[in-house]
N, C-alpha and C. Protein backbone atom coordinates (compact mmCIF):
# COMPACT_ATOMS: atom_id res chain seq x y z
N MET A 1 0.51 7.66 -0.94
CA MET A 1 -0.56 6.45 -1.50
C MET A 1 -1.59 6.55 -1.82
N ASN A 2 -1.96 5.36 -2.23
CA ASN A 2 -2.92 4.99 -3.11
C ASN A 2 -4.22 5.58 -2.07
N GLU A 3 -4.80 6.05 -2.52
CA GLU A 3 -6.18 6.10 -2.25
C GLU A 3 -6.90 5.55 -1.52
N LYS A 4 -6.76 3.76 -2.57
CA LYS A 4 -7.93 2.48 -1.25
C LYS A 4 -6.67 2.64 -0.49
N LEU A 5 -5.68 2.54 -0.32
CA LEU A 5 -4.18 1.97 0.99
C LEU A 5 -4.60 2.79 1.94
N VAL A 6 -5.64 4.13 1.59
CA VAL A 6 -5.17 5.87 2.87
C VAL A 6 -6.73 5.34 2.91
N GLU A 7 -7.58 4.91 2.63
CA GLU A 7 -9.48 4.29 3.08
C GLU A 7 -8.87 3.04 3.95
N ILE A 8 -8.32 2.00 3.17
CA ILE A 8 -7.82 0.76 4.39
C ILE A 8 -7.27 1.06 5.28
N LEU A 9 -5.85 2.74 5.85
CA LEU A 9 -4.79 2.60 6.39
C LEU A 9 -6.13 3.45 8.04
N LYS A 10 -6.95 3.93 7.17
CA LYS A 10 -7.98 5.35 7.77
C LYS A 10 -8.59 4.07 8.68
N LYS A 11 -9.63 2.43 8.02
CA LYS A 11 -10.33 1.77 8.73
C LYS A 11 -9.78 1.39 9.88
N ALA A 12 -8.56 0.61 9.97
CA ALA A 12 -7.58 0.01 9.91
C ALA A 12 -6.92 0.64 11.65
N ARG A 13 -6.59 2.40 11.28
CA ARG A 13 -6.51 3.17 12.75
C ARG A 13 -8.01 3.06 13.78
N GLU A 14 -9.32 3.52 13.47
CA GLU A 14 -10.02 3.03 13.48
C GLU A 14 -10.55 2.18 14.62
N ASN A 15 -10.62 0.98 13.87
CA ASN A 15 -10.85 -0.21 14.69
C ASN A 15 -9.85 -1.24 15.04
N PRO A 16 -8.95 -1.01 16.23
CA PRO A 16 -8.41 -2.22 17.09
C PRO A 16 -7.45 -3.44 16.75
N VAL A 17 -8.85 -4.20 16.27
CA VAL A 17 -8.73 -5.75 15.59
C VAL A 17 -8.87 -5.45 14.22
N ILE A 18 -9.03 -4.69 13.25
CA ILE A 18 -8.97 -4.51 12.38
C ILE A 18 -7.48 -4.41 11.40
N LYS A 19 -6.51 -3.35 12.46
CA LYS A 19 -5.30 -2.82 12.88
C LYS A 19 -4.16 -4.14 13.20
N GLU A 20 -4.48 -4.96 14.19
CA GLU A 20 -4.25 -6.01 14.29
C GLU A 20 -4.39 -7.23 13.78
N LYS A 21 -5.04 -6.84 12.61
CA LYS A 21 -5.14 -8.32 11.91
C LYS A 21 -4.21 -8.14 9.96
N PHE A 22 -4.06 -6.16 9.56
CA PHE A 22 -3.37 -5.80 9.37
C PHE A 22 -1.01 -6.49 9.51
N LEU A 23 -1.54 -5.69 10.55
CA LEU A 23 0.03 -6.58 11.20
C LEU A 23 0.24 -7.78 11.56
N GLU A 24 -0.77 -8.77 11.53
CA GLU A 24 -0.30 -9.76 12.15
C GLU A 24 0.11 -10.15 10.47
N THR A 25 -0.75 -10.04 9.68
CA THR A 25 0.35 -10.59 8.30
C THR A 25 1.36 -10.51 7.44
N ARG A 26 1.95 -9.37 8.65
CA ARG A 26 3.75 -9.79 8.40
C ARG A 26 4.54 -10.70 8.53
N ASN A 27 3.60 -11.65 9.66
CA ASN A 27 4.30 -12.66 9.98
C ASN A 27 4.03 -14.42 9.61
N ALA A 28 3.29 -13.81 8.41
CA ALA A 28 2.27 -15.30 7.61
C ALA A 28 3.37 -15.57 6.82
N LYS A 29 3.26 -16.54 6.08
CA LYS A 29 4.11 -16.82 5.07
C LYS A 29 4.82 -16.13 3.77
N ASP A 30 3.73 -16.20 3.76
CA ASP A 30 3.11 -15.23 1.94
C ASP A 30 2.63 -13.74 2.79
N PRO A 31 3.19 -12.67 3.06
CA PRO A 31 2.39 -11.33 3.95
C PRO A 31 1.31 -10.59 2.60
N MET A 32 2.22 -11.06 1.33
CA MET A 32 1.16 -9.13 0.58
C MET A 32 0.10 -10.15 0.44
N ASP A 33 -0.16 -11.73 0.32
CA ASP A 33 -1.00 -12.52 0.42
C ASP A 33 -2.67 -12.54 1.42
N GLU A 34 -1.77 -12.17 2.11
CA GLU A 34 -2.63 -12.42 3.81
C GLU A 34 -2.43 -11.39 3.58
N PHE A 35 -2.32 -9.44 3.24
CA PHE A 35 -2.71 -8.67 3.68
C PHE A 35 -3.81 -8.18 2.80
N CYS A 36 -3.69 -9.12 0.90
CA CYS A 36 -4.92 -8.57 0.55
C CYS A 36 -6.39 -9.46 1.00
N LYS A 37 -5.72 -10.73 1.38
CA LYS A 37 -6.80 -11.67 2.19
C LYS A 37 -7.57 -10.45 3.30
N VAL A 38 -6.69 -10.01 4.31
CA VAL A 38 -7.50 -9.26 5.06
C VAL A 38 -8.41 -8.34 4.69
N ALA A 39 -7.46 -7.43 3.42
CA ALA A 39 -7.97 -5.87 3.09
C ALA A 39 -9.11 -6.24 1.86
N THR A 40 -9.99 -7.90 1.39
CA THR A 40 -11.14 -8.18 0.43
C THR A 40 -12.03 -9.11 1.83
N ALA A 41 -11.89 -8.74 2.97
CA ALA A 41 -12.84 -9.32 3.79
C ALA A 41 -12.70 -8.03 5.14
N ILE A 42 -12.93 -6.97 4.14
CA ILE A 42 -13.20 -5.80 5.07
C ILE A 42 -14.01 -4.86 3.94
N GLY A 43 -13.93 -5.69 3.22
CA GLY A 43 -14.68 -4.97 1.91
C GLY A 43 -13.67 -4.16 0.62
N TYR A 44 -12.58 -4.27 0.85
CA TYR A 44 -11.40 -3.54 -0.67
C TYR A 44 -10.70 -4.77 -0.92
N GLU A 45 -11.38 -4.82 -1.83
CA GLU A 45 -10.88 -6.48 -3.15
C GLU A 45 -9.51 -5.96 -3.43
N MET A 46 -8.28 -6.39 -3.11
CA MET A 46 -7.11 -6.02 -3.74
C MET A 46 -6.65 -7.73 -4.01
N THR A 47 -5.41 -7.58 -4.49
CA THR A 47 -4.37 -8.47 -5.26
C THR A 47 -3.53 -8.05 -5.09
N VAL A 48 -2.48 -9.38 -4.92
CA VAL A 48 -0.87 -8.59 -4.66
C VAL A 48 -0.15 -7.74 -5.83
N GLY A 49 -1.13 -8.27 -6.78
CA GLY A 49 -0.48 -7.75 -8.49
C GLY A 49 -0.74 -6.47 -8.58
N GLU A 50 -1.84 -5.85 -7.83
CA GLU A 50 -2.20 -4.60 -7.47
C GLU A 50 -1.55 -4.30 -6.53
N LEU A 51 -1.12 -4.52 -5.84
CA LEU A 51 0.10 -4.01 -4.58
C LEU A 51 1.44 -3.53 -5.41
N PHE A 52 1.62 -4.80 -5.71
CA PHE A 52 3.03 -4.19 -7.24
C PHE A 52 2.39 -2.88 -7.94
N ALA A 53 1.47 -2.80 -8.49
CA ALA A 53 1.16 -1.84 -9.87
C ALA A 53 1.02 0.16 -9.50
N MET A 54 0.21 -0.56 -7.72
CA MET A 54 0.60 0.32 -6.87
C MET A 54 1.59 1.62 -7.66
N GLY A 55 2.33 1.87 -6.66
CA GLY A 55 3.85 2.28 -6.65
C GLY A 55 4.49 2.52 -7.97
N GLU A 56 4.65 1.52 -8.99
CA GLU A 56 4.57 1.33 -9.93
C GLU A 56 3.94 1.93 -10.71
N GLU A 57 2.72 3.16 -10.56
CA GLU A 57 1.84 3.46 -11.77
C GLU A 57 2.53 4.89 -11.28
N TYR A 58 1.99 5.37 -10.06
CA TYR A 58 2.61 6.39 -9.49
C TYR A 58 4.07 7.03 -10.26
N SER A 59 5.67 6.12 -10.15
CA SER A 59 6.19 6.52 -10.37
C SER A 59 6.11 6.30 -11.91
N SER A 60 5.89 5.52 -12.51
CA SER A 60 6.31 6.04 -14.31
C SER A 60 4.87 7.08 -14.09
N ASN A 61 3.51 7.22 -13.94
CA ASN A 61 3.33 9.12 -14.09
C ASN A 61 3.96 9.93 -13.66
N LEU A 62 4.69 9.83 -12.71
CA LEU A 62 5.58 10.72 -12.41
C LEU A 62 7.10 11.07 -13.91
N LEU A 63 7.60 9.94 -14.14
CA LEU A 63 8.48 10.11 -14.95
C LEU A 63 7.87 10.81 -16.73
N LYS A 64 6.32 10.66 -16.76
CA LYS A 64 5.85 10.41 -18.36
C LYS A 64 4.90 12.28 -17.90
N SER A 65 4.94 13.12 -17.00
CA SER A 65 3.88 14.15 -16.66
C SER A 65 4.15 14.65 -18.00
N CYS A 66 3.56 16.36 -17.69
CA CYS A 66 3.21 17.33 -18.49
C CYS A 66 4.50 17.18 -18.82
N ASN A 67 5.25 18.21 -19.15
CA ASN A 67 6.74 19.08 -19.74
C ASN A 67 7.16 18.06 -19.89
N GLY A 68 7.62 17.27 -20.67
CA GLY A 68 8.24 16.07 -20.13
C GLY A 68 8.95 15.48 -18.65
N GLY A 69 8.61 15.35 -17.85
CA GLY A 69 8.16 14.55 -17.16
C GLY A 69 9.76 14.62 -16.28
N ALA A 70 9.74 14.23 -15.41
CA ALA A 70 11.85 13.83 -14.30
C ALA A 70 12.41 13.50 -15.51
N VAL A 71 13.35 14.26 -15.58
CA VAL A 71 14.10 14.11 -16.39
C VAL A 71 15.53 13.99 -15.36
N TYR A 72 15.67 13.58 -14.11
CA TYR A 72 16.67 12.63 -13.45
C TYR A 72 16.74 11.70 -12.90
N PRO A 73 17.42 11.64 -12.66
CA PRO A 73 16.63 10.42 -11.95
C PRO A 73 15.82 9.87 -9.83
N MET A 74 15.66 8.95 -10.28
CA MET A 74 14.37 9.11 -9.22
C MET A 74 15.80 8.38 -7.95
N ASP A 75 15.47 9.80 -6.58
CA ASP A 75 16.68 9.23 -5.47
C ASP A 75 16.27 7.69 -5.01
N GLU A 76 14.72 7.23 -4.56
CA GLU A 76 14.48 6.66 -3.98
C GLU A 76 12.69 6.33 -4.77
N TRP A 77 12.27 4.86 -4.18
CA TRP A 77 11.54 4.27 -5.06
C TRP A 77 10.36 4.09 -4.33
N SER A 78 9.36 4.81 -3.37
CA SER A 78 7.98 4.60 -2.60
C SER A 78 7.82 2.94 -2.24
N ASP A 79 7.89 2.90 -1.39
CA ASP A 79 6.68 1.29 -1.59
C ASP A 79 5.49 1.25 -0.76
N TRP A 80 4.81 1.35 -1.34
CA TRP A 80 3.25 1.78 -0.66
C TRP A 80 2.87 0.98 0.98
N TYR A 81 3.43 -0.43 0.16
CA TYR A 81 2.82 -2.06 0.63
C TYR A 81 3.57 -1.25 2.06
N GLU A 82 4.50 -1.21 2.35
CA GLU A 82 5.98 -0.65 2.95
C GLU A 82 5.13 0.85 4.07
N ASP A 83 5.50 1.36 3.65
CA ASP A 83 4.69 2.77 3.85
C ASP A 83 3.59 2.61 4.88
N PHE A 84 2.57 2.29 4.48
CA PHE A 84 1.45 1.86 5.07
C PHE A 84 1.53 0.84 6.50
N PHE A 85 2.43 0.17 6.40
CA PHE A 85 2.71 -0.88 7.92
C PHE A 85 3.63 0.48 8.54
N LYS A 86 4.22 1.19 8.00
CA LYS A 86 5.17 2.43 9.00
C LYS A 86 4.51 3.33 9.53
N THR A 87 3.27 3.51 8.84
CA THR A 87 2.36 4.92 9.31
C THR A 87 1.34 4.13 10.26
N LEU A 88 0.98 2.93 10.12
CA LEU A 88 -0.11 1.96 10.88
C LEU A 88 0.72 1.32 11.95
N LYS A 89 2.07 1.50 11.90
CA LYS A 89 2.15 0.65 13.12
C LYS A 89 2.61 2.52 14.11
N TYR A 90 2.58 3.32 14.03
CA TYR A 90 3.33 4.22 14.44
C TYR A 90 1.90 5.31 14.96
N SER A 91 0.70 4.69 14.33
CA SER A 91 -0.47 5.73 14.35
C SER A 91 -1.58 5.06 15.84
């Protein structure tokens, strides 16, 4: 998970009000946009584009790393946004 999301997750785990605000974003008409608004409100400026880019950048870096990168197909692509909520829900 990206450093910024780890920091946000830590803050949400420590504060039940913030945790609930993030969990409530899942029910919004545009959940990712609402997530970004909550993150920004607690001091972590974030856009929907940034959320999409987080996982893409990580995966791309794996494929172009030193020594030629990964030469095998990825079995799965991690979705950091979904991973955030799985971790938050069960913490």
